[in-house]
Amino acid sequence: MRLLALALAFAWPLTAAAETHTARECGEGGDFIRNAARARDNGVTRQFFINHLEEDFVLIRSFAPASRWFVHDEEDEVYLRTEVEAVFDAPQSSEQHRSGFLERCERRAGRLSS
């Protein structure tokens, strides 16, 4: 997971705006959530996944907010953690989790109305 965090931190352009998530970033977040559901389906436990996510957050915080992937600030960390917890607490198919995440992310970014 730590390698994933490093790769994602460097993959996002340095000019990314911390205020809101782009459509691309929401899509990549959706892929992350889909992969969390796939990990769950392959036997990864909630605690194991959350522990590694928290470790990734610590690593990501070492980068400037503009160069971080998705978790630009504490509010984003809470949002992503909550989404990951839902993968384990209210299991659905990986694609259902992804599509639900995409809708919520787009709404959160202000591109969809409530």
C-alpha atoms as a PDB file:
ATOM      1  CA  MET A   1       0.000   0.000   0.000  1.00  0.00           C
ATOM      2  CA  ARG A   2       2.800   2.425   0.763  1.00  0.00           C
ATOM      3  CA  LEU A   3       4.143   2.046  -2.752  1.00  0.00           C
ATOM      4  CA  LEU A   4       0.625   2.749  -3.991  1.00  0.00           C
ATOM      5  CA  ALA A   5       0.523   5.924  -1.923  1.00  0.00           C
ATOM      6  CA  LEU A   6       3.850   7.090  -3.318  1.00  0.00           C
ATOM      7  CA  ALA A   7       2.841   6.312  -6.870  1.00  0.00           C
ATOM      8  CA  LEU A   8      -0.459   8.111  -6.479  1.00  0.00           C
ATOM      9  CA  ALA A   9       1.134  11.109  -4.796  1.00  0.00           C
ATOM     10  CA  PHE A  10       3.506  11.567  -7.715  1.00  0.00           C
ATOM     11  CA  ALA A  11       0.955  10.670 -10.376  1.00  0.00           C
ATOM     12  CA  TRP A  12      -1.226  13.669  -9.700  1.00  0.00           C
ATOM     13  CA  PRO A  13      -0.073  16.937 -11.281  1.00  0.00           C
ATOM     14  CA  LEU A  14       1.510  19.512  -8.995  1.00  0.00           C
ATOM     15  CA  THR A  15      -1.154  21.989 -10.029  1.00  0.00           C
ATOM     16  CA  ALA A  16      -4.096  19.977  -8.667  1.00  0.00           C
ATOM     17  CA  ALA A  17      -6.504  22.153  -6.753  1.00  0.00           C
ATOM     18  CA  ALA A  18      -7.019  21.140  -3.152  1.00  0.00           C
ATOM     19  CA  GLU A  19     -10.457  22.750  -2.913  1.00  0.00           C
ATOM     20  CA  THR A  20     -12.351  20.211  -5.001  1.00  0.00           C
ATOM     21  CA  HIS A  21     -11.777  16.960  -6.830  1.00  0.00           C
ATOM     22  CA  THR A  22     -11.606  16.903 -10.599  1.00  0.00           C
ATOM     23  CA  ALA A  23     -13.651  14.441 -12.630  1.00  0.00           C
ATOM     24  CA  ARG A  24     -10.431  12.523 -13.271  1.00  0.00           C
ATOM     25  CA  GLU A  25      -9.630  12.384  -9.587  1.00  0.00           C
ATOM     26  CA  CYS A  26     -13.156  11.172  -8.768  1.00  0.00           C
ATOM     27  CA  GLY A  27     -12.712   8.466 -11.415  1.00  0.00           C
ATOM     28  CA  GLU A  28      -9.403   7.383  -9.919  1.00  0.00           C
ATOM     29  CA  GLY A  29     -10.976   7.433  -6.450  1.00  0.00           C
ATOM     30  CA  GLY A  30     -13.759   5.246  -7.804  1.00  0.00           C
ATOM     31  CA  ASP A  31     -11.165   2.803  -9.095  1.00  0.00           C
ATOM     32  CA  PHE A  32      -9.551   2.794  -5.636  1.00  0.00           C
ATOM     33  CA  ILE A  33     -12.915   2.019  -4.002  1.00  0.00           C
ATOM     34  CA  ARG A  34     -13.630  -0.723  -6.561  1.00  0.00           C
ATOM     35  CA  ASN A  35     -10.236  -2.243  -5.775  1.00  0.00           C
ATOM     36  CA  ALA A  36     -10.964  -2.046  -2.044  1.00  0.00           C
ATOM     37  CA  ALA A  37     -14.133  -4.078  -2.689  1.00  0.00           C
ATOM     38  CA  ARG A  38     -12.144  -6.573  -4.742  1.00  0.00           C
ATOM     39  CA  ALA A  39      -9.602  -6.853  -1.910  1.00  0.00           C
ATOM     40  CA  ARG A  40     -12.487  -7.461   0.525  1.00  0.00           C
ATOM     41  CA  ASP A  41     -13.849 -10.170  -1.779  1.00  0.00           C
ATOM     42  CA  ASN A  42     -10.402 -11.787  -1.804  1.00  0.00           C
ATOM     43  CA  GLY A  43     -10.246 -12.009   1.982  1.00  0.00           C
ATOM     44  CA  VAL A  44      -8.619  -8.747   3.058  1.00  0.00           C
ATOM     45  CA  THR A  45     -10.121  -7.711   6.381  1.00  0.00           C
ATOM     46  CA  ARG A  46     -11.562  -4.306   7.172  1.00  0.00           C
ATOM     47  CA  GLN A  47      -8.985  -3.696   9.908  1.00  0.00           C
ATOM     48  CA  PHE A  48      -6.053  -4.661   7.706  1.00  0.00           C
ATOM     49  CA  PHE A  49      -7.198  -2.384   4.889  1.00  0.00           C
ATOM     50  CA  ILE A  50      -7.988   0.561   7.171  1.00  0.00           C
ATOM     51  CA  ASN A  51      -4.635   0.218   8.962  1.00  0.00           C
ATOM     52  CA  HIS A  52      -2.785   0.414   5.658  1.00  0.00           C
ATOM     53  CA  LEU A  53      -4.952   3.300   4.508  1.00  0.00           C
ATOM     54  CA  GLU A  54      -4.036   5.213   7.668  1.00  0.00           C
ATOM     55  CA  GLU A  55      -0.345   4.488   7.041  1.00  0.00           C
ATOM     56  CA  ASP A  56      -0.764   5.800   3.502  1.00  0.00           C
ATOM     57  CA  PHE A  57      -2.363   8.979   4.842  1.00  0.00           C
ATOM     58  CA  VAL A  58       0.691   9.591   7.022  1.00  0.00           C
ATOM     59  CA  LEU A  59       2.968   9.190   4.015  1.00  0.00           C
ATOM     60  CA  ILE A  60       0.789  11.338   1.750  1.00  0.00           C
ATOM     61  CA  ARG A  61       0.806  14.158   4.321  1.00  0.00           C
ATOM     62  CA  SER A  62       4.550  14.509   3.710  1.00  0.00           C
ATOM     63  CA  PHE A  63       3.767  15.960   0.258  1.00  0.00           C
ATOM     64  CA  ALA A  64       2.464  19.456  -0.390  1.00  0.00           C
ATOM     65  CA  PRO A  65      -1.357  19.446  -0.629  1.00  0.00           C
ATOM     66  CA  ALA A  66      -1.268  20.448  -4.294  1.00  0.00           C
ATOM     67  CA  SER A  67       0.782  17.362  -5.171  1.00  0.00           C
ATOM     68  CA  ARG A  68      -1.323  14.836  -3.255  1.00  0.00           C
ATOM     69  CA  TRP A  69      -3.722  12.377  -4.813  1.00  0.00           C
ATOM     70  CA  PHE A  70      -7.288  12.759  -3.539  1.00  0.00           C
ATOM     71  CA  VAL A  71      -6.479  13.308   0.140  1.00  0.00           C
ATOM     72  CA  HIS A  72      -5.454  16.943   0.020  1.00  0.00           C
ATOM     73  CA  ASP A  73      -6.529  17.617   3.603  1.00  0.00           C
ATOM     74  CA  GLU A  74      -8.063  16.056   6.710  1.00  0.00           C
ATOM     75  CA  GLU A  75     -11.589  16.415   5.343  1.00  0.00           C
ATOM     76  CA  ASP A  76     -10.597  14.337   2.305  1.00  0.00           C
ATOM     77  CA  GLU A  77      -9.046  11.713   4.582  1.00  0.00           C
ATOM     78  CA  VAL A  78     -12.291  11.416   6.542  1.00  0.00           C
ATOM     79  CA  TYR A  79     -14.278  11.207   3.306  1.00  0.00           C
ATOM     80  CA  LEU A  80     -12.096   8.491   1.758  1.00  0.00           C
ATOM     81  CA  ARG A  81     -11.892   6.518   5.023  1.00  0.00           C
ATOM     82  CA  THR A  82     -15.700   6.621   5.320  1.00  0.00           C
ATOM     83  CA  GLU A  83     -16.059   5.391   1.757  1.00  0.00           C
ATOM     84  CA  VAL A  84     -13.614   2.532   2.402  1.00  0.00           C
ATOM     85  CA  GLU A  85     -15.392   1.617   5.638  1.00  0.00           C
ATOM     86  CA  ALA A  86     -18.667   1.362   3.695  1.00  0.00           C
ATOM     87  CA  VAL A  87     -17.039  -1.169   1.379  1.00  0.00           C
ATOM     88  CA  PHE A  88     -16.557  -3.453   4.365  1.00  0.00           C
ATOM     89  CA  ASP A  89     -19.586  -2.478   6.458  1.00  0.00           C
ATOM     90  CA  ALA A  90     -22.228  -2.532   3.696  1.00  0.00           C
ATOM     91  CA  PRO A  91     -20.862  -4.924   1.058  1.00  0.00           C
ATOM     92  CA  GLN A  92     -22.007  -4.547  -2.522  1.00  0.00           C
ATOM     93  CA  SER A  93     -20.386  -5.546  -5.778  1.00  0.00           C
ATOM     94  CA  SER A  94     -17.178  -3.738  -6.614  1.00  0.00           C
ATOM     95  CA  GLU A  95     -18.893  -1.921  -9.500  1.00  0.00           C
ATOM     96  CA  GLN A  96     -21.785  -0.801  -7.273  1.00  0.00           C
ATOM     97  CA  HIS A  97     -19.313   0.625  -4.781  1.00  0.00           C
ATOM     98  CA  ARG A  98     -17.454   2.390  -7.598  1.00  0.00           C
ATOM     99  CA  SER A  99     -20.544   3.917  -9.173  1.00  0.00           C
ATOM    100  CA  GLY A 100     -21.890   5.055  -5.793  1.00  0.00           C
ATOM    101  CA  PHE A 101     -18.550   6.634  -4.979  1.00  0.00           C
ATOM    102  CA  LEU A 102     -18.428   8.416  -8.340  1.00  0.00           C
ATOM    103  CA  GLU A 103     -21.855   9.927  -7.786  1.00  0.00           C
ATOM    104  CA  ARG A 104     -21.022  11.070  -4.250  1.00  0.00           C
ATOM    105  CA  CYS A 105     -17.636  12.447  -5.324  1.00  0.00           C
ATOM    106  CA  GLU A 106     -19.144  14.396  -8.218  1.00  0.00           C
ATOM    107  CA  ARG A 107     -21.824  15.781  -5.907  1.00  0.00           C
ATOM    108  CA  ARG A 108     -19.205  16.699  -3.314  1.00  0.00           C
ATOM    109  CA  ALA A 109     -17.201  18.491  -6.009  1.00  0.00           C
ATOM    110  CA  GLY A 110     -20.286  20.455  -6.976  1.00  0.00           C
ATOM    111  CA  ARG A 111     -20.768  18.941 -10.410  1.00  0.00           C
ATOM    112  CA  LEU A 112     -24.051  17.200  -9.490  1.00  0.00           C
ATOM    113  CA  SER A 113     -26.982  18.633  -7.633  1.00  0.00           C
ATOM    114  CA  SER A 114     -28.364  16.889  -4.560  1.00  0.00           C
END
